[in-house]
Structure formats: structure tokens, C-alpha cells
């Protein structure tokens, strides 16, 4: 579904619920040509003291091939970060990928605290829509 069609559905449903406004935040799905491509996203619990992972299983993964400057292109294995801190998970990831890539960047971490967690209040007046580079929505929009 294209973004314009998705937004039309969201606006129609908001109107039918009698809600006046809803902030819509559109994010482009991350790709290798963007700044921050070298970051692994570590999703935490609401207290930000343990890793939960995207699938709530403690598993953290990197979505792209790593173009290692010394050993060549490779898929980075998912990391099991169950019951460890985001900082320890990040350290483990960095130790497992010690070399720079061909763009002269090391693997880095982005620690993501979910909405409703410490420092990120949950809201019910905002919807996030993620689109690919071709303008298609591939994931369900999320109210947060």
C-alpha cells in the first residue's frame, strides 16, 4: 500500500472516531546509504536496564550485510542479549565486529527505549508510519 492510501485510511478512521487531530510521523525505512547505517538498534525494556529486542526475545540483529574492510562482506549473526544491560549488549556486539567497514566506519549501537519507558512518555495522539524508499507502507502504523 502506498503512503497516500495509508494516510487516507488513518484520517478516515480518526474522523469516524470523532477525534479532531492526530499527529502523523512518517519515517523512511533505514537503508545502507543513510547516515547511521552502521548502527545496531538495541531495544530495551521500559526501565532501559535490560535488552528485550524487537521480538521481545532478547535477540538483537543488524539488517544489512557488513562490508568488512579486512575480511569482506558478511552477514552479522544475531546476538543473544537476554537479561543483560544494553551497554553490555553493545560491548558484546562491538567485540564481535572489530573491523571497520569499507566506508571507514565501525559498528555502533543505538539504544532504543520504547515509548512509555523512561524519558519517553506514551501518547495516544500520534501515529508512526514507516515507508520504504518507493513510498510503500510495509508495516502496520503504530500509535505511540
Protein backbone atom coordinates (compact mmCIF):
# COMPACT_ATOMS: atom_id res chain seq x y z
CA UNK A 1 0.00 0.00 0.00
CA UNK A 2 1.27 3.46 -0.84
CA UNK A 3 1.68 6.11 1.88
CA UNK A 4 -1.07 8.33 0.46
CA UNK A 5 -3.57 5.44 0.64
CA UNK A 6 -2.50 4.56 4.18
CA UNK A 7 -2.89 8.17 5.32
CA UNK A 8 -6.37 8.32 3.78
CA UNK A 9 -7.41 5.24 5.77
CA UNK A 10 -5.92 6.65 9.00
CA UNK A 11 -7.66 10.01 8.51
CA UNK A 12 -10.97 8.31 7.73
CA UNK A 13 -10.78 6.17 10.87
CA UNK A 14 -9.77 9.15 13.02
CA UNK A 15 -12.73 11.09 11.70
CA UNK A 16 -15.14 8.20 12.29
CA UNK A 17 -13.95 8.01 15.92
CA UNK A 18 -14.72 11.70 16.37
CA UNK A 19 -11.12 12.64 17.08
CA UNK A 20 -10.04 16.08 15.97
CA UNK A 21 -6.32 15.70 15.40
CA UNK A 22 -3.65 13.08 15.29
CA UNK A 23 0.00 13.80 14.63
CA UNK A 24 1.33 11.57 11.87
CA UNK A 25 5.06 10.90 11.85
CA UNK A 26 6.41 9.31 8.67
CA UNK A 27 9.77 7.54 8.87
CA UNK A 28 11.66 6.13 5.92
CA UNK A 29 12.85 2.58 6.46
CA UNK A 30 16.57 2.68 7.02
CA UNK A 31 18.96 1.79 4.20
CA UNK A 32 22.70 1.46 3.62
CA UNK A 33 23.07 4.90 2.04
CA UNK A 34 21.78 6.77 5.10
CA UNK A 35 23.80 8.16 7.96
CA UNK A 36 23.68 5.70 10.85
CA UNK A 37 23.54 2.60 8.61
CA UNK A 38 26.32 1.17 10.80
CA UNK A 39 24.22 1.24 13.98
CA UNK A 40 22.64 -1.81 15.57
CA UNK A 41 19.33 -0.93 17.24
CA UNK A 42 19.13 -2.34 20.77
CA UNK A 43 15.54 -2.27 22.05
CA UNK A 44 15.27 -2.10 25.86
CA UNK A 45 12.52 -2.62 28.39
CA UNK A 46 10.68 0.43 29.76
CA UNK A 47 13.21 0.85 32.57
CA UNK A 48 16.03 0.84 29.98
CA UNK A 49 18.05 -1.57 32.11
CA UNK A 50 17.59 -4.81 30.10
CA UNK A 51 17.52 -5.70 26.41
CA UNK A 52 14.22 -7.06 25.12
CA UNK A 53 14.88 -6.94 21.37
CA UNK A 54 12.37 -6.20 18.60
CA UNK A 55 10.71 -9.59 19.02
CA UNK A 56 10.64 -9.40 22.84
CA UNK A 57 13.06 -12.35 22.92
CA UNK A 58 16.31 -10.52 23.76
CA UNK A 59 17.70 -11.10 20.27
CA UNK A 60 19.39 -8.15 18.54
CA UNK A 61 20.20 -8.17 14.84
CA UNK A 62 21.72 -5.96 12.15
CA UNK A 63 19.59 -5.76 8.99
CA UNK A 64 22.36 -5.33 6.39
CA UNK A 65 25.41 -7.13 5.12
CA UNK A 66 28.56 -5.84 6.85
CA UNK A 67 31.16 -4.92 4.23
CA UNK A 68 34.20 -5.64 6.38
CA UNK A 69 37.29 -3.82 5.12
CA UNK A 70 39.58 -6.75 6.05
CA UNK A 71 37.53 -9.92 5.62
CA UNK A 72 34.92 -8.96 3.01
CA UNK A 73 31.16 -8.84 3.05
CA UNK A 74 29.35 -10.95 5.63
CA UNK A 75 26.05 -11.31 7.39
CA UNK A 76 26.32 -10.44 11.06
CA UNK A 77 24.81 -13.07 13.29
CA UNK A 78 22.02 -12.12 15.67
CA UNK A 79 23.25 -11.54 19.21
CA UNK A 80 21.58 -13.07 22.25
CA UNK A 81 21.26 -10.24 24.75
CA UNK A 82 18.67 -11.86 27.05
CA UNK A 83 18.85 -10.50 30.59
CA UNK A 84 21.83 -8.22 30.01
CA UNK A 85 22.11 -4.44 30.01
CA UNK A 86 22.02 -2.51 26.74
CA UNK A 87 25.57 -1.33 27.42
CA UNK A 88 26.85 -4.92 27.87
CA UNK A 89 24.99 -5.99 24.74
CA UNK A 90 26.59 -3.16 22.78
CA UNK A 91 30.04 -4.10 24.05
CA UNK A 92 29.49 -7.73 23.02
CA UNK A 93 28.38 -6.62 19.54
CA UNK A 94 31.36 -4.32 19.08
CA UNK A 95 33.76 -7.06 20.19
CA UNK A 96 32.25 -9.47 17.66
CA UNK A 97 32.68 -6.94 14.81
CA UNK A 98 36.13 -5.45 15.48
CA UNK A 99 36.93 -4.20 11.97
CA UNK A 100 35.84 -1.07 10.15
CA UNK A 101 33.75 -1.42 7.03
CA UNK A 102 34.78 -0.25 3.56
CA UNK A 103 33.22 3.17 4.31
CA UNK A 104 35.67 3.54 7.25
CA UNK A 105 33.02 3.11 9.99
CA UNK A 106 32.89 0.76 12.93
CA UNK A 107 29.72 -0.97 14.07
CA UNK A 108 27.92 1.23 16.60
CA UNK A 109 24.84 0.90 18.80
CA UNK A 110 21.63 2.87 19.09
CA UNK A 111 19.83 2.13 22.35
CA UNK A 112 16.08 2.49 21.85
CA UNK A 113 13.82 2.90 24.88
CA UNK A 114 10.19 2.16 23.90
CA UNK A 115 7.50 4.80 24.17
CA UNK A 116 6.12 4.67 27.70
CA UNK A 117 9.61 3.98 29.03
CA UNK A 118 11.94 6.24 30.98
CA UNK A 119 12.13 9.64 29.31
CA UNK A 120 9.70 8.71 26.51
CA UNK A 121 6.09 9.28 27.55
CA UNK A 122 3.46 7.26 25.71
CA UNK A 123 0.94 9.27 23.72
CA UNK A 124 -2.31 8.33 22.04
CA UNK A 125 -2.40 11.31 19.68
CA UNK A 126 0.49 10.30 17.42
CA UNK A 127 0.80 7.60 14.77
CA UNK A 128 4.09 6.41 13.27
CA UNK A 129 4.13 5.17 9.69
CA UNK A 130 7.24 3.54 8.21
CA UNK A 131 7.71 3.64 4.45
CA UNK A 132 10.27 2.15 2.10
CA UNK A 133 12.19 4.24 -0.43
CA UNK A 134 9.50 3.59 -3.05
CA UNK A 135 6.80 5.15 -0.82
CA UNK A 136 5.14 1.90 0.24
CA UNK A 137 3.98 1.07 3.75
CA UNK A 138 5.21 -2.41 4.68
CA UNK A 139 4.46 -2.43 8.41
CA UNK A 140 1.29 -1.60 10.31
CA UNK A 141 1.21 2.00 11.58
CA UNK A 142 1.72 2.29 15.35
CA UNK A 143 0.02 4.70 17.75
CA UNK A 144 2.54 5.82 20.36
